[in-house]
Amino acid sequence: GVTAGAAALSLGLPGAALGQTPKRGGKVTIAYVGSPNQLDPHAATGAEEWSLLRSVYDSLVHTDHTLVAKPELAERWEGSPDSKVWTFFLRKGVKFHHGRELDADDVVYSYERVRDPKTASPARAVFSIVEKIEKVDKYVVRFTLTGPFAEFPELTGGSFQAKIAPRDVSDLVRNPTGSGPFKYKEFVPGSHVTLTRFDGYWRDNEPYLDE
């Protein structure tokens, strides 16, 4: 499954090696050069933290390796003719790891937290172009910018700190809670972080790994 696919990619094997049916279960252990300091999604500063949190949290969109924005928590989005107002339409039925459904209030909360100086988010300057964030209805969020910016959707997917967290979890440092494929189990600083499969993940039949 995962091991065969990774090996095929690294060794340049034929595409047939990648066409195997994925198998469910198993555990993967990944070694990092450094060690994460903390797991606050909006204050993460290092590559280790970014890669770990990518498995725990989702963003409005996912900016892929070609720098194209693809739907993630937002099914679609639209910009005003002058590219100053951007409206995102959220995917319905997405659950956070603690069981509640994601809604527009969580998106507003997450971006306001990034913009709050107390959070010390590296993305605060990036999103200084946002003049206002507002809930239009339960599944619609509108961003008003200080000026035209045609690549704003790519920005929401390309910033590592632009993760959507639940507004009702008071301590995201000690209790990372997202809507991603894996949920937080344990963090021993300087030793390891353990993530386990989230069975309520919104992508059908994913993830494949247990841990």
C-alpha atoms as a PDB file:
ATOM      1  CA  GLY A   1       0.000   0.000   0.000  1.00  0.00           C
ATOM      2  CA  VAL A   2       1.698   3.134   1.265  1.00  0.00           C
ATOM      3  CA  THR A   3       5.164   1.579   1.419  1.00  0.00           C
ATOM      4  CA  ALA A   4       5.021   0.243  -2.143  1.00  0.00           C
ATOM      5  CA  GLY A   5       3.805   3.575  -3.481  1.00  0.00           C
ATOM      6  CA  ALA A   6       6.515   5.521  -1.660  1.00  0.00           C
ATOM      7  CA  ALA A   7       9.166   3.116  -2.902  1.00  0.00           C
ATOM      8  CA  ALA A   8       7.934   3.401  -6.477  1.00  0.00           C
ATOM      9  CA  LEU A   9       8.078   7.174  -6.298  1.00  0.00           C
ATOM     10  CA  SER A  10      11.562   7.242  -4.810  1.00  0.00           C
ATOM     11  CA  LEU A  11      12.993   4.592  -7.120  1.00  0.00           C
ATOM     12  CA  GLY A  12      11.261   5.716 -10.303  1.00  0.00           C
ATOM     13  CA  LEU A  13       9.481   2.404 -10.798  1.00  0.00           C
ATOM     14  CA  PRO A  14       6.791   2.007 -13.491  1.00  0.00           C
ATOM     15  CA  GLY A  15       3.314   3.382 -12.866  1.00  0.00           C
ATOM     16  CA  ALA A  16       1.951  -0.126 -12.309  1.00  0.00           C
ATOM     17  CA  ALA A  17       3.653  -0.154  -8.930  1.00  0.00           C
ATOM     18  CA  LEU A  18       1.555   2.858  -7.967  1.00  0.00           C
ATOM     19  CA  GLY A  19      -1.688   1.282  -9.161  1.00  0.00           C
ATOM     20  CA  GLN A  20      -2.041  -1.173  -6.301  1.00  0.00           C
ATOM     21  CA  THR A  21      -5.191  -1.039  -4.227  1.00  0.00           C
ATOM     22  CA  PRO A  22      -4.420   0.796  -0.965  1.00  0.00           C
ATOM     23  CA  LYS A  23      -4.552  -1.353   2.151  1.00  0.00           C
ATOM     24  CA  ARG A  24      -6.053  -0.145   5.411  1.00  0.00           C
ATOM     25  CA  GLY A  25      -4.242  -0.301   8.724  1.00  0.00           C
ATOM     26  CA  GLY A  26      -0.677  -0.194   9.929  1.00  0.00           C
ATOM     27  CA  LYS A  27       1.586   2.395  11.496  1.00  0.00           C
ATOM     28  CA  VAL A  28       4.207   4.657   9.965  1.00  0.00           C
ATOM     29  CA  THR A  29       7.074   6.121  11.990  1.00  0.00           C
ATOM     30  CA  ILE A  30       8.723   9.217  10.516  1.00  0.00           C
ATOM     31  CA  ALA A  31      12.012  10.682  11.736  1.00  0.00           C
ATOM     32  CA  TYR A  32      12.629  14.435  11.678  1.00  0.00           C
ATOM     33  CA  VAL A  33      15.917  16.297  11.826  1.00  0.00           C
ATOM     34  CA  GLY A  34      14.476  18.715  14.370  1.00  0.00           C
ATOM     35  CA  SER A  35      11.725  18.578  16.960  1.00  0.00           C
ATOM     36  CA  PRO A  36       8.438  20.515  17.159  1.00  0.00           C
ATOM     37  CA  ASN A  37       8.253  23.034  19.985  1.00  0.00           C
ATOM     38  CA  GLN A  38       4.476  23.328  20.135  1.00  0.00           C
ATOM     39  CA  LEU A  39       1.405  22.321  18.151  1.00  0.00           C
ATOM     40  CA  ASP A  40      -0.621  25.532  17.990  1.00  0.00           C
ATOM     41  CA  PRO A  41      -1.845  25.548  14.364  1.00  0.00           C
ATOM     42  CA  HIS A  42      -1.858  29.322  14.093  1.00  0.00           C
ATOM     43  CA  ALA A  43       1.566  29.910  15.640  1.00  0.00           C
ATOM     44  CA  ALA A  44       3.556  27.074  14.043  1.00  0.00           C
ATOM     45  CA  THR A  45       6.959  28.198  12.817  1.00  0.00           C
ATOM     46  CA  GLY A  46       8.960  25.153  11.712  1.00  0.00           C
ATOM     47  CA  ALA A  47       8.808  22.454   9.061  1.00  0.00           C
ATOM     48  CA  GLU A  48       8.271  19.703  11.637  1.00  0.00           C
ATOM     49  CA  GLU A  49       5.276  21.516  13.104  1.00  0.00           C
ATOM     50  CA  TRP A  50       3.860  22.324   9.672  1.00  0.00           C
ATOM     51  CA  SER A  51       3.998  18.742   8.414  1.00  0.00           C
ATOM     52  CA  LEU A  52       2.505  17.291  11.611  1.00  0.00           C
ATOM     53  CA  LEU A  53      -0.307  19.831  11.724  1.00  0.00           C
ATOM     54  CA  ARG A  54      -1.138  19.228   8.061  1.00  0.00           C
ATOM     55  CA  SER A  55      -2.369  15.796   9.176  1.00  0.00           C
ATOM     56  CA  VAL A  56      -4.470  17.228  12.017  1.00  0.00           C
ATOM     57  CA  TYR A  57      -5.991  20.319  10.375  1.00  0.00           C
ATOM     58  CA  ASP A  58      -7.510  21.298   7.042  1.00  0.00           C
ATOM     59  CA  SER A  59      -7.566  24.688   5.314  1.00  0.00           C
ATOM     60  CA  LEU A  60     -10.278  26.364   3.262  1.00  0.00           C
ATOM     61  CA  VAL A  61      -8.436  25.303   0.127  1.00  0.00           C
ATOM     62  CA  HIS A  62      -5.370  23.221  -0.624  1.00  0.00           C
ATOM     63  CA  THR A  63      -2.715  24.819  -2.798  1.00  0.00           C
ATOM     64  CA  ASP A  64      -1.043  21.912  -4.561  1.00  0.00           C
ATOM     65  CA  HIS A  65       2.522  21.549  -5.862  1.00  0.00           C
ATOM     66  CA  THR A  66       1.587  23.484  -9.006  1.00  0.00           C
ATOM     67  CA  LEU A  67       0.359  26.375  -6.814  1.00  0.00           C
ATOM     68  CA  VAL A  68      -3.229  25.833  -7.945  1.00  0.00           C
ATOM     69  CA  ALA A  69      -5.972  26.158  -5.313  1.00  0.00           C
ATOM     70  CA  LYS A  70      -8.111  23.031  -4.951  1.00  0.00           C
ATOM     71  CA  PRO A  71     -11.274  22.619  -2.825  1.00  0.00           C
ATOM     72  CA  GLU A  72     -10.772  21.414   0.736  1.00  0.00           C
ATOM     73  CA  LEU A  73     -13.056  22.704   3.519  1.00  0.00           C
ATOM     74  CA  ALA A  74     -14.464  25.155   0.967  1.00  0.00           C
ATOM     75  CA  GLU A  75     -16.248  23.384  -1.890  1.00  0.00           C
ATOM     76  CA  ARG A  76     -16.030  26.505  -4.023  1.00  0.00           C
ATOM     77  CA  TRP A  77     -15.341  30.224  -3.877  1.00  0.00           C
ATOM     78  CA  GLU A  78     -15.946  33.330  -5.912  1.00  0.00           C
ATOM     79  CA  GLY A  79     -14.395  36.763  -6.105  1.00  0.00           C
ATOM     80  CA  SER A  80     -15.930  40.117  -6.849  1.00  0.00           C
ATOM     81  CA  PRO A  81     -15.082  41.730 -10.230  1.00  0.00           C
ATOM     82  CA  ASP A  82     -12.435  43.887  -8.540  1.00  0.00           C
ATOM     83  CA  SER A  83     -10.983  40.928  -6.547  1.00  0.00           C
ATOM     84  CA  LYS A  84     -11.495  42.769  -3.243  1.00  0.00           C
ATOM     85  CA  VAL A  85     -14.290  40.563  -1.871  1.00  0.00           C
ATOM     86  CA  TRP A  86     -13.950  36.784  -1.688  1.00  0.00           C
ATOM     87  CA  THR A  87     -16.760  34.450  -0.681  1.00  0.00           C
ATOM     88  CA  PHE A  88     -16.127  30.838   0.347  1.00  0.00           C
ATOM     89  CA  PHE A  89     -18.849  28.184   0.410  1.00  0.00           C
ATOM     90  CA  LEU A  90     -18.092  25.550   3.027  1.00  0.00           C
ATOM     91  CA  ARG A  91     -18.423  21.809   2.700  1.00  0.00           C
ATOM     92  CA  LYS A  92     -21.375  20.569   4.776  1.00  0.00           C
ATOM     93  CA  GLY A  93     -21.104  17.733   7.280  1.00  0.00           C
ATOM     94  CA  VAL A  94     -17.409  18.150   8.092  1.00  0.00           C
ATOM     95  CA  LYS A  95     -16.733  17.075  11.680  1.00  0.00           C
ATOM     96  CA  PHE A  96     -14.013  18.179  14.038  1.00  0.00           C
ATOM     97  CA  HIS A  97     -12.226  15.544  16.085  1.00  0.00           C
ATOM     98  CA  HIS A  98     -14.335  16.428  19.143  1.00  0.00           C
ATOM     99  CA  GLY A  99     -17.537  15.682  17.211  1.00  0.00           C
ATOM    100  CA  ARG A 100     -19.031  19.073  16.302  1.00  0.00           C
ATOM    101  CA  GLU A 101     -19.716  20.124  12.719  1.00  0.00           C
ATOM    102  CA  LEU A 102     -17.546  22.822  11.218  1.00  0.00           C
ATOM    103  CA  ASP A 103     -19.307  26.072  10.312  1.00  0.00           C
ATOM    104  CA  ALA A 104     -18.618  29.640   9.262  1.00  0.00           C
ATOM    105  CA  ASP A 105     -18.075  30.819  12.853  1.00  0.00           C
ATOM    106  CA  ASP A 106     -15.061  28.510  13.081  1.00  0.00           C
ATOM    107  CA  VAL A 107     -13.545  30.050   9.972  1.00  0.00           C
ATOM    108  CA  VAL A 108     -14.058  33.578  11.317  1.00  0.00           C
ATOM    109  CA  TYR A 109     -12.601  32.530  14.677  1.00  0.00           C
ATOM    110  CA  SER A 110      -9.530  30.930  13.096  1.00  0.00           C
ATOM    111  CA  TYR A 111      -8.639  33.887  10.894  1.00  0.00           C
ATOM    112  CA  GLU A 112      -9.279  36.406  13.649  1.00  0.00           C
ATOM    113  CA  ARG A 113      -6.992  34.358  15.883  1.00  0.00           C
ATOM    114  CA  VAL A 114      -4.256  34.467  13.230  1.00  0.00           C
ATOM    115  CA  ARG A 115      -4.712  38.240  13.013  1.00  0.00           C
ATOM    116  CA  ASP A 116      -4.616  38.708  16.814  1.00  0.00           C
ATOM    117  CA  PRO A 117      -1.165  39.982  17.951  1.00  0.00           C
ATOM    118  CA  LYS A 118      -1.445  37.825  21.088  1.00  0.00           C
ATOM    119  CA  THR A 119      -1.305  34.674  18.953  1.00  0.00           C
ATOM    120  CA  ALA A 120       2.091  35.695  17.527  1.00  0.00           C
ATOM    121  CA  SER A 121       1.262  34.029  14.238  1.00  0.00           C
ATOM    122  CA  PRO A 122       3.840  34.279  11.439  1.00  0.00           C
ATOM    123  CA  ALA A 123       0.858  34.653   9.098  1.00  0.00           C
ATOM    124  CA  ARG A 124      -0.439  37.810  10.764  1.00  0.00           C
ATOM    125  CA  ALA A 125       1.410  40.049   8.305  1.00  0.00           C
ATOM    126  CA  VAL A 126       0.341  37.841   5.388  1.00  0.00           C
ATOM    127  CA  PHE A 127      -3.325  38.361   6.224  1.00  0.00           C
ATOM    128  CA  SER A 128      -3.005  42.048   7.024  1.00  0.00           C
ATOM    129  CA  ILE A 129      -4.628  42.575   3.621  1.00  0.00           C
ATOM    130  CA  VAL A 130      -7.891  41.329   5.150  1.00  0.00           C
ATOM    131  CA  GLU A 131     -10.054  44.254   6.228  1.00  0.00           C
ATOM    132  CA  LYS A 132     -13.048  42.244   7.427  1.00  0.00           C
ATOM    133  CA  ILE A 133     -14.138  38.626   7.849  1.00  0.00           C
ATOM    134  CA  GLU A 134     -17.826  37.933   8.228  1.00  0.00           C
ATOM    135  CA  LYS A 135     -20.246  35.037   8.443  1.00  0.00           C
ATOM    136  CA  VAL A 136     -22.859  35.282   5.695  1.00  0.00           C
ATOM    137  CA  ASP A 137     -24.703  32.166   6.828  1.00  0.00           C
ATOM    138  CA  LYS A 138     -23.817  28.852   8.485  1.00  0.00           C
ATOM    139  CA  TYR A 139     -21.800  27.631   5.506  1.00  0.00           C
ATOM    140  CA  VAL A 140     -20.686  30.871   3.834  1.00  0.00           C
ATOM    141  CA  VAL A 141     -17.818  33.197   4.823  1.00  0.00           C
ATOM    142  CA  ARG A 142     -16.893  36.489   3.194  1.00  0.00           C
ATOM    143  CA  PHE A 143     -13.483  38.184   3.241  1.00  0.00           C
ATOM    144  CA  THR A 144     -13.203  41.873   2.364  1.00  0.00           C
ATOM    145  CA  LEU A 145      -9.667  42.935   1.473  1.00  0.00           C
ATOM    146  CA  THR A 146      -7.983  46.311   1.699  1.00  0.00           C
ATOM    147  CA  GLY A 147      -7.312  46.171  -2.031  1.00  0.00           C
ATOM    148  CA  PRO A 148      -7.556  43.909  -5.085  1.00  0.00           C
ATOM    149  CA  PHE A 149      -5.781  40.560  -4.772  1.00  0.00           C
ATOM    150  CA  ALA A 150      -6.598  37.955  -7.403  1.00  0.00           C
ATOM    151  CA  GLU A 151      -4.561  35.187  -5.714  1.00  0.00           C
ATOM    152  CA  PHE A 152      -6.319  35.333  -2.341  1.00  0.00           C
ATOM    153  CA  PRO A 153      -7.679  31.742  -2.556  1.00  0.00           C
ATOM    154  CA  GLU A 154      -4.150  30.451  -3.171  1.00  0.00           C
ATOM    155  CA  LEU A 155      -3.013  32.445  -0.141  1.00  0.00           C
ATOM    156  CA  THR A 156      -5.549  30.755   2.131  1.00  0.00           C
ATOM    157  CA  GLY A 157      -4.205  27.378   1.036  1.00  0.00           C
ATOM    158  CA  GLY A 158      -0.543  28.242   0.813  1.00  0.00           C
ATOM    159  CA  SER A 159      -0.065  29.727   4.282  1.00  0.00           C
ATOM    160  CA  PHE A 160       0.868  27.013   6.776  1.00  0.00           C
ATOM    161  CA  GLN A 161      -0.937  28.871   9.584  1.00  0.00           C
ATOM    162  CA  ALA A 162      -4.256  29.169   7.724  1.00  0.00           C
ATOM    163  CA  LYS A 163      -5.733  26.112   9.437  1.00  0.00           C
ATOM    164  CA  ILE A 164      -9.339  25.986  10.570  1.00  0.00           C
ATOM    165  CA  ALA A 165      -9.746  25.167  14.263  1.00  0.00           C
ATOM    166  CA  PRO A 166     -12.932  24.853  16.359  1.00  0.00           C
ATOM    167  CA  ARG A 167     -13.929  27.969  18.250  1.00  0.00           C
ATOM    168  CA  ASP A 168     -14.958  25.947  21.330  1.00  0.00           C
ATOM    169  CA  VAL A 169     -11.574  24.379  22.164  1.00  0.00           C
ATOM    170  CA  SER A 170      -9.930  26.760  24.615  1.00  0.00           C
ATOM    171  CA  ASP A 171      -6.352  25.434  24.542  1.00  0.00           C
ATOM    172  CA  LEU A 172      -5.130  24.494  21.063  1.00  0.00           C
ATOM    173  CA  VAL A 173      -1.565  24.239  22.356  1.00  0.00           C
ATOM    174  CA  ARG A 174      -2.320  21.308  24.662  1.00  0.00           C
ATOM    175  CA  ASN A 175      -5.318  19.970  22.786  1.00  0.00           C
ATOM    176  CA  PRO A 176      -4.810  20.256  19.000  1.00  0.00           C
ATOM    177  CA  THR A 177      -8.251  19.661  17.489  1.00  0.00           C
ATOM    178  CA  GLY A 178      -8.889  19.846  13.775  1.00  0.00           C
ATOM    179  CA  SER A 179     -10.909  18.196  11.022  1.00  0.00           C
ATOM    180  CA  GLY A 180      -7.981  16.446   9.346  1.00  0.00           C
ATOM    181  CA  PRO A 181      -7.404  12.742   8.696  1.00  0.00           C
ATOM    182  CA  PHE A 182      -5.518  12.145  11.947  1.00  0.00           C
ATOM    183  CA  LYS A 183      -6.259  13.218  15.505  1.00  0.00           C
ATOM    184  CA  TYR A 184      -3.811  14.124  18.217  1.00  0.00           C
ATOM    185  CA  LYS A 185      -2.999  11.488  20.836  1.00  0.00           C
ATOM    186  CA  GLU A 186       0.275  12.402  22.532  1.00  0.00           C
ATOM    187  CA  PHE A 187       3.149  14.868  22.400  1.00  0.00           C
ATOM    188  CA  VAL A 188       6.347  14.242  24.371  1.00  0.00           C
ATOM    189  CA  PRO A 189       8.644  17.201  23.600  1.00  0.00           C
ATOM    190  CA  GLY A 190      12.020  16.080  22.311  1.00  0.00           C
ATOM    191  CA  SER A 191      10.764  12.534  21.829  1.00  0.00           C
ATOM    192  CA  HIS A 192       7.664  11.955  19.706  1.00  0.00           C
ATOM    193  CA  VAL A 193       4.225  12.979  18.557  1.00  0.00           C
ATOM    194  CA  THR A 194       1.552  10.314  18.064  1.00  0.00           C
ATOM    195  CA  LEU A 195      -1.421  10.795  15.739  1.00  0.00           C
ATOM    196  CA  THR A 196      -4.211   8.245  15.225  1.00  0.00           C
ATOM    197  CA  ARG A 197      -6.735   7.789  12.434  1.00  0.00           C
ATOM    198  CA  PHE A 198      -9.889   9.913  12.619  1.00  0.00           C
ATOM    199  CA  ASP A 199     -12.740   7.626  11.597  1.00  0.00           C
ATOM    200  CA  GLY A 200     -15.063  10.590  11.020  1.00  0.00           C
ATOM    201  CA  TYR A 201     -12.881  12.199   8.365  1.00  0.00           C
ATOM    202  CA  TRP A 202     -14.907  13.846   5.599  1.00  0.00           C
ATOM    203  CA  ARG A 203     -13.040  12.205   2.709  1.00  0.00           C
ATOM    204  CA  ASP A 204     -14.663   8.815   2.108  1.00  0.00           C
ATOM    205  CA  ASN A 205     -12.619   5.808   3.276  1.00  0.00           C
ATOM    206  CA  GLU A 206      -9.594   7.896   4.269  1.00  0.00           C
ATOM    207  CA  PRO A 207      -7.100   7.812   5.861  1.00  0.00           C
ATOM    208  CA  TYR A 208      -5.656   4.342   5.395  1.00  0.00           C
ATOM    209  CA  LEU A 209      -3.144   4.237   8.222  1.00  0.00           C
ATOM    210  CA  ASP A 210      -4.096   3.565  11.852  1.00  0.00           C
ATOM    211  CA  GLU A 211      -1.267   5.623  13.368  1.00  0.00           C
END
